[in-house]
Amino acid sequence: LGISRHAVYDLLAEGELGGIRLGNAYRIPK
């Protein structure tokens, strides 16, 4: 997406983009 790490975490936290949290890491279905 050409965005910052912080922006990715914002998208995940806001529910804009669904991901799976495994321990302290996220995995996002393409």
All heavy atoms as atom14 arrays in JSON, in Angstrom:
{
  "sequence": "LGISRHAVYDLLAEGELGGIRLGNAYRIPK",
  "atom14_mask": [
    [1, 1, 1, 1, 1, 1, 1, 1, 0, 0, 0, 0, 0, 0],
    [1, 1, 1, 1, 0, 0, 0, 0, 0, 0, 0, 0, 0, 0],
    [1, 1, 1, 1, 1, 1, 1, 1, 0, 0, 0, 0, 0, 0],
    [1, 1, 1, 1, 1, 1, 0, 0, 0, 0, 0, 0, 0, 0],
    [1, 1, 1, 1, 1, 1, 1, 1, 1, 1, 1, 0, 0, 0],
    [1, 1, 1, 1, 1, 1, 1, 1, 1, 1, 0, 0, 0, 0],
    [1, 1, 1, 1, 1, 0, 0, 0, 0, 0, 0, 0, 0, 0],
    [1, 1, 1, 1, 1, 1, 1, 0, 0, 0, 0, 0, 0, 0],
    [1, 1, 1, 1, 1, 1, 1, 1, 1, 1, 1, 1, 0, 0],
    [1, 1, 1, 1, 1, 1, 1, 1, 0, 0, 0, 0, 0, 0],
    [1, 1, 1, 1, 1, 1, 1, 1, 0, 0, 0, 0, 0, 0],
    [1, 1, 1, 1, 1, 1, 1, 1, 0, 0, 0, 0, 0, 0],
    [1, 1, 1, 1, 1, 0, 0, 0, 0, 0, 0, 0, 0, 0],
    [1, 1, 1, 1, 1, 1, 1, 1, 1, 0, 0, 0, 0, 0],
    [1, 1, 1, 1, 0, 0, 0, 0, 0, 0, 0, 0, 0, 0],
    [1, 1, 1, 1, 1, 1, 1, 1, 1, 0, 0, 0, 0, 0],
    [1, 1, 1, 1, 1, 1, 1, 1, 0, 0, 0, 0, 0, 0],
    [1, 1, 1, 1, 0, 0, 0, 0, 0, 0, 0, 0, 0, 0],
    [1, 1, 1, 1, 0, 0, 0, 0, 0, 0, 0, 0, 0, 0],
    [1, 1, 1, 1, 1, 1, 1, 1, 0, 0, 0, 0, 0, 0],
    [1, 1, 1, 1, 1, 1, 1, 1, 1, 1, 1, 0, 0, 0],
    [1, 1, 1, 1, 1, 1, 1, 1, 0, 0, 0, 0, 0, 0],
    [1, 1, 1, 1, 0, 0, 0, 0, 0, 0, 0, 0, 0, 0],
    [1, 1, 1, 1, 1, 1, 1, 1, 0, 0, 0, 0, 0, 0],
    [1, 1, 1, 1, 1, 0, 0, 0, 0, 0, 0, 0, 0, 0],
    [1, 1, 1, 1, 1, 1, 1, 1, 1, 1, 1, 1, 0, 0],
    [1, 1, 1, 1, 1, 1, 1, 1, 1, 1, 1, 0, 0, 0],
    [1, 1, 1, 1, 1, 1, 1, 1, 0, 0, 0, 0, 0, 0],
    [1, 1, 1, 1, 1, 1, 1, 0, 0, 0, 0, 0, 0, 0],
    [1, 1, 1, 1, 1, 1, 1, 1, 1, 0, 0, 0, 0, 0]
  ],
  "atom14_positions": [
    [[0.8, -1.22, 0.0], [0.0, 0.0, 0.0], [0.84, 1.27, 0.0], [0.3, 2.37, -0.15], [-0.95, 0.01, 1.21], [-1.96, -1.14, 1.27], [-2.84, -0.98, 2.5], [-2.8, -1.2, 0.01], [0.0, 0.0, 0.0], [0.0, 0.0, 0.0], [0.0, 0.0, 0.0], [0.0, 0.0, 0.0], [0.0, 0.0, 0.0], [0.0, 0.0, 0.0]],
    [[2.14, 1.14, 0.2], [3.01, 2.31, 0.24], [2.72, 3.22, 1.42], [2.7, 4.44, 1.29], [0.0, 0.0, 0.0], [0.0, 0.0, 0.0], [0.0, 0.0, 0.0], [0.0, 0.0, 0.0], [0.0, 0.0, 0.0], [0.0, 0.0, 0.0], [0.0, 0.0, 0.0], [0.0, 0.0, 0.0], [0.0, 0.0, 0.0], [0.0, 0.0, 0.0]],
    [[2.5, 2.58, 2.58], [2.18, 3.35, 3.78], [3.16, 3.0, 4.9], [3.9, 2.02, 4.81], [0.73, 3.11, 4.25], [0.48, 1.64, 4.57], [-0.26, 3.6, 3.18], [-0.92, 1.33, 5.11], [0.0, 0.0, 0.0], [0.0, 0.0, 0.0], [0.0, 0.0, 0.0], [0.0, 0.0, 0.0], [0.0, 0.0, 0.0], [0.0, 0.0, 0.0]],
    [[3.12, 3.78, 5.95], [4.02, 3.56, 7.08], [3.55, 2.41, 7.96], [2.39, 2.0, 7.89], [4.12, 4.83, 7.93], [2.9, 5.04, 8.62], [0.0, 0.0, 0.0], [0.0, 0.0, 0.0], [0.0, 0.0, 0.0], [0.0, 0.0, 0.0], [0.0, 0.0, 0.0], [0.0, 0.0, 0.0], [0.0, 0.0, 0.0], [0.0, 0.0, 0.0]],
    [[4.44, 1.93, 8.78], [4.11, 0.87, 9.74], [3.0, 1.35, 10.68], [2.06, 0.62, 10.99], [5.38, 0.51, 10.52], [5.22, -0.64, 11.46], [6.6, -1.03, 12.0], [6.43, -1.53, 13.32], [6.9, -0.96, 14.43], [7.62, 0.13, 14.36], [6.67, -1.49, 15.6], [0.0, 0.0, 0.0], [0.0, 0.0, 0.0], [0.0, 0.0, 0.0]],
    [[3.12, 2.59, 11.11], [2.12, 3.17, 12.01], [0.74, 3.18, 11.33], [-0.27, 2.87, 11.97], [2.54, 4.59, 12.42], [1.62, 5.23, 13.4], [1.55, 4.85, 14.71], [0.71, 6.22, 13.24], [0.64, 5.58, 15.33], [0.12, 6.42, 14.46], [0.0, 0.0, 0.0], [0.0, 0.0, 0.0], [0.0, 0.0, 0.0], [0.0, 0.0, 0.0]],
    [[0.7, 3.54, 10.06], [-0.57, 3.57, 9.32], [-1.18, 2.18, 9.22], [-2.4, 2.02, 9.32], [-0.37, 4.18, 7.94], [0.0, 0.0, 0.0], [0.0, 0.0, 0.0], [0.0, 0.0, 0.0], [0.0, 0.0, 0.0], [0.0, 0.0, 0.0], [0.0, 0.0, 0.0], [0.0, 0.0, 0.0], [0.0, 0.0, 0.0], [0.0, 0.0, 0.0]],
    [[-0.34, 1.16, 9.04], [-0.84, -0.22, 8.99], [-1.51, -0.57, 10.31], [-2.64, -1.09, 10.33], [0.3, -1.22, 8.69], [-0.18, -2.66, 8.89], [0.83, -1.03, 7.28], [0.0, 0.0, 0.0], [0.0, 0.0, 0.0], [0.0, 0.0, 0.0], [0.0, 0.0, 0.0], [0.0, 0.0, 0.0], [0.0, 0.0, 0.0], [0.0, 0.0, 0.0]],
    [[-0.83, -0.29, 11.41], [-1.4, -0.6, 12.72], [-2.68, 0.19, 12.99], [-3.61, -0.32, 13.63], [-0.37, -0.41, 13.83], [0.64, -1.52, 13.86], [1.96, -1.3, 13.48], [0.29, -2.81, 14.25], [2.9, -2.33, 13.5], [1.21, -3.84, 14.27], [2.51, -3.59, 13.89], [3.42, -4.62, 13.9], [0.0, 0.0, 0.0], [0.0, 0.0, 0.0]],
    [[-2.76, 1.42, 12.48], [-3.99, 2.2, 12.61], [-5.14, 1.52, 11.86], [-6.25, 1.41, 12.38], [-3.8, 3.62, 12.07], [-3.02, 4.52, 13.0], [-2.82, 4.14, 14.18], [-2.59, 5.6, 12.55], [0.0, 0.0, 0.0], [0.0, 0.0, 0.0], [0.0, 0.0, 0.0], [0.0, 0.0, 0.0], [0.0, 0.0, 0.0], [0.0, 0.0, 0.0]],
    [[-4.88, 1.05, 10.63], [-5.92, 0.36, 9.85], [-6.41, -0.89, 10.57], [-7.61, -1.18, 10.6], [-5.38, -0.02, 8.47], [-5.15, 1.12, 7.49], [-4.46, 0.59, 6.22], [-6.44, 1.81, 7.14], [0.0, 0.0, 0.0], [0.0, 0.0, 0.0], [0.0, 0.0, 0.0], [0.0, 0.0, 0.0], [0.0, 0.0, 0.0], [0.0, 0.0, 0.0]],
    [[-5.48, -1.62, 11.16], [-5.84, -2.84, 11.88], [-6.62, -2.52, 13.15], [-7.64, -3.14, 13.44], [-4.59, -3.65, 12.21], [-3.86, -4.27, 11.01], [-2.48, -4.75, 11.41], [-4.68, -5.4, 10.4], [0.0, 0.0, 0.0], [0.0, 0.0, 0.0], [0.0, 0.0, 0.0], [0.0, 0.0, 0.0], [0.0, 0.0, 0.0], [0.0, 0.0, 0.0]],
    [[-6.16, -1.52, 13.89], [-6.81, -1.17, 15.15], [-8.22, -0.61, 14.93], [-9.12, -0.86, 15.73], [-5.96, -0.14, 15.91], [0.0, 0.0, 0.0], [0.0, 0.0, 0.0], [0.0, 0.0, 0.0], [0.0, 0.0, 0.0], [0.0, 0.0, 0.0], [0.0, 0.0, 0.0], [0.0, 0.0, 0.0], [0.0, 0.0, 0.0], [0.0, 0.0, 0.0]],
    [[-8.4, 0.13, 13.85], [-9.7, 0.75, 13.56], [-10.66, -0.22, 12.87], [-11.8, 0.13, 12.62], [-9.5, 1.99, 12.69], [-8.75, 3.09, 13.42], [-8.27, 4.19, 12.48], [-8.57, 4.14, 11.26], [-7.59, 5.11, 12.97], [0.0, 0.0, 0.0], [0.0, 0.0, 0.0], [0.0, 0.0, 0.0], [0.0, 0.0, 0.0], [0.0, 0.0, 0.0]],
    [[-10.18, -1.41, 12.53], [-11.03, -2.39, 11.86], [-11.24, -2.11, 10.39], [-12.08, -2.73, 9.74], [0.0, 0.0, 0.0], [0.0, 0.0, 0.0], [0.0, 0.0, 0.0], [0.0, 0.0, 0.0], [0.0, 0.0, 0.0], [0.0, 0.0, 0.0], [0.0, 0.0, 0.0], [0.0, 0.0, 0.0], [0.0, 0.0, 0.0], [0.0, 0.0, 0.0]],
    [[-10.47, -1.17, 9.84], [-10.56, -0.87, 8.4], [-10.06, -2.04, 7.57], [-10.5, -2.25, 6.45], [-9.7, 0.36, 8.07], [-10.23, 1.64, 8.6], [-11.2, 2.3, 7.64], [-11.11, 2.07, 6.43], [-12.06, 3.03, 8.13], [0.0, 0.0, 0.0], [0.0, 0.0, 0.0], [0.0, 0.0, 0.0], [0.0, 0.0, 0.0], [0.0, 0.0, 0.0]],
    [[-9.14, -2.79, 8.14], [-8.52, -3.91, 7.45], [-8.42, -5.06, 8.45], [-7.86, -4.89, 9.53], [-7.12, -3.49, 6.97], [-6.37, -4.43, 6.08], [-7.13, -4.72, 4.8], [-5.03, -3.81, 5.71], [0.0, 0.0, 0.0], [0.0, 0.0, 0.0], [0.0, 0.0, 0.0], [0.0, 0.0, 0.0], [0.0, 0.0, 0.0], [0.0, 0.0, 0.0]],
    [[-8.98, -6.18, 8.1], [-8.99, -7.32, 9.01], [-7.7, -8.11, 8.99], [-7.15, -8.38, 7.93], [0.0, 0.0, 0.0], [0.0, 0.0, 0.0], [0.0, 0.0, 0.0], [0.0, 0.0, 0.0], [0.0, 0.0, 0.0], [0.0, 0.0, 0.0], [0.0, 0.0, 0.0], [0.0, 0.0, 0.0], [0.0, 0.0, 0.0], [0.0, 0.0, 0.0]],
    [[-7.2, -8.42, 10.16], [-6.0, -9.21, 10.3], [-6.13, -10.17, 11.47], [-7.08, -10.1, 12.25], [0.0, 0.0, 0.0], [0.0, 0.0, 0.0], [0.0, 0.0, 0.0], [0.0, 0.0, 0.0], [0.0, 0.0, 0.0], [0.0, 0.0, 0.0], [0.0, 0.0, 0.0], [0.0, 0.0, 0.0], [0.0, 0.0, 0.0], [0.0, 0.0, 0.0]],
    [[-5.18, -11.06, 11.57], [-5.15, -12.05, 12.64], [-3.92, -11.76, 13.5], [-2.81, -11.65, 12.98], [-5.04, -13.47, 12.05], [-6.2, -13.74, 11.11], [-4.97, -14.52, 13.16], [-5.94, -14.88, 10.14], [0.0, 0.0, 0.0], [0.0, 0.0, 0.0], [0.0, 0.0, 0.0], [0.0, 0.0, 0.0], [0.0, 0.0, 0.0], [0.0, 0.0, 0.0]],
    [[-4.13, -11.65, 14.79], [-2.99, -11.41, 15.68], [-2.5, -12.74, 16.21], [-3.25, -13.5, 16.82], [-3.4, -10.51, 16.83], [-2.2, -10.11, 17.64], [-2.52, -9.0, 18.58], [-1.29, -8.64, 19.26], [-1.12, -7.57, 19.96], [-2.11, -6.73, 20.09], [0.03, -7.32, 20.54], [0.0, 0.0, 0.0], [0.0, 0.0, 0.0], [0.0, 0.0, 0.0]],
    [[-1.24, -13.01, 15.99], [-0.57, -14.23, 16.47], [0.57, -13.79, 17.38], [1.6, -13.35, 16.9], [-0.03, -15.05, 15.31], [-1.08, -15.53, 14.29], [-0.39, -16.15, 13.08], [-2.02, -16.52, 14.94], [0.0, 0.0, 0.0], [0.0, 0.0, 0.0], [0.0, 0.0, 0.0], [0.0, 0.0, 0.0], [0.0, 0.0, 0.0], [0.0, 0.0, 0.0]],
    [[0.34, -13.9, 18.68], [1.34, -13.4, 19.62], [1.42, -11.89, 19.49], [0.42, -11.2, 19.63], [0.0, 0.0, 0.0], [0.0, 0.0, 0.0], [0.0, 0.0, 0.0], [0.0, 0.0, 0.0], [0.0, 0.0, 0.0], [0.0, 0.0, 0.0], [0.0, 0.0, 0.0], [0.0, 0.0, 0.0], [0.0, 0.0, 0.0], [0.0, 0.0, 0.0]],
    [[2.6, -11.39, 19.17], [2.75, -9.94, 19.01], [2.86, -9.54, 17.54], [3.25, -8.43, 17.23], [3.97, -9.44, 19.79], [5.27, -10.02, 19.27], [5.26, -10.93, 18.45], [6.37, -9.48, 19.73], [0.0, 0.0, 0.0], [0.0, 0.0, 0.0], [0.0, 0.0, 0.0], [0.0, 0.0, 0.0], [0.0, 0.0, 0.0], [0.0, 0.0, 0.0]],
    [[2.5, -10.43, 16.63], [2.58, -10.15, 15.19], [1.2, -10.29, 14.55], [0.36, -11.05, 15.01], [3.56, -11.1, 14.54], [0.0, 0.0, 0.0], [0.0, 0.0, 0.0], [0.0, 0.0, 0.0], [0.0, 0.0, 0.0], [0.0, 0.0, 0.0], [0.0, 0.0, 0.0], [0.0, 0.0, 0.0], [0.0, 0.0, 0.0], [0.0, 0.0, 0.0]],
    [[1.01, -9.54, 13.48], [-0.23, -9.64, 12.71], [0.04, -10.37, 11.4], [1.11, -10.23, 10.81], [-0.77, -8.25, 12.36], [-1.57, -7.62, 13.46], [-0.96, -6.75, 14.35], [-2.92, -7.88, 13.61], [-1.69, -6.14, 15.37], [-3.66, -7.29, 14.62], [-3.04, -6.42, 15.49], [-3.77, -5.84, 16.49], [0.0, 0.0, 0.0], [0.0, 0.0, 0.0]],
    [[-0.97, -11.09, 10.96], [-0.98, -11.7, 9.64], [-2.28, -11.25, 8.99], [-3.35, -11.31, 9.61], [-0.9, -13.23, 9.69], [0.37, -13.75, 10.3], [1.59, -13.39, 9.44], [2.81, -13.91, 10.01], [3.67, -13.2, 10.73], [3.43, -11.94, 11.01], [4.77, -13.75, 11.18], [0.0, 0.0, 0.0], [0.0, 0.0, 0.0], [0.0, 0.0, 0.0]],
    [[-2.18, -10.79, 7.76], [-3.33, -10.23, 7.08], [-3.59, -11.03, 5.8], [-2.71, -11.15, 4.95], [-3.08, -8.75, 6.71], [-2.73, -7.94, 7.97], [-4.28, -8.14, 6.02], [-1.29, -7.64, 8.16], [0.0, 0.0, 0.0], [0.0, 0.0, 0.0], [0.0, 0.0, 0.0], [0.0, 0.0, 0.0], [0.0, 0.0, 0.0], [0.0, 0.0, 0.0]],
    [[-4.79, -11.59, 5.67], [-5.12, -12.29, 4.43], [-5.08, -11.32, 3.25], [-5.62, -10.2, 3.32], [-6.55, -12.8, 4.66], [-6.68, -12.86, 6.15], [-5.86, -11.71, 6.67], [0.0, 0.0, 0.0], [0.0, 0.0, 0.0], [0.0, 0.0, 0.0], [0.0, 0.0, 0.0], [0.0, 0.0, 0.0], [0.0, 0.0, 0.0], [0.0, 0.0, 0.0]],
    [[-4.42, -11.73, 2.18], [-4.31, -10.88, 1.01], [-5.69, -10.52, 0.46], [-5.89, -9.42, -0.06], [-3.46, -11.56, -0.07], [-3.17, -10.66, -1.25], [-2.11, -11.22, -2.18], [-2.59, -12.43, -2.93], [-1.61, -12.86, -3.96], [0.0, 0.0, 0.0], [0.0, 0.0, 0.0], [0.0, 0.0, 0.0], [0.0, 0.0, 0.0], [0.0, 0.0, 0.0]]
  ]
}
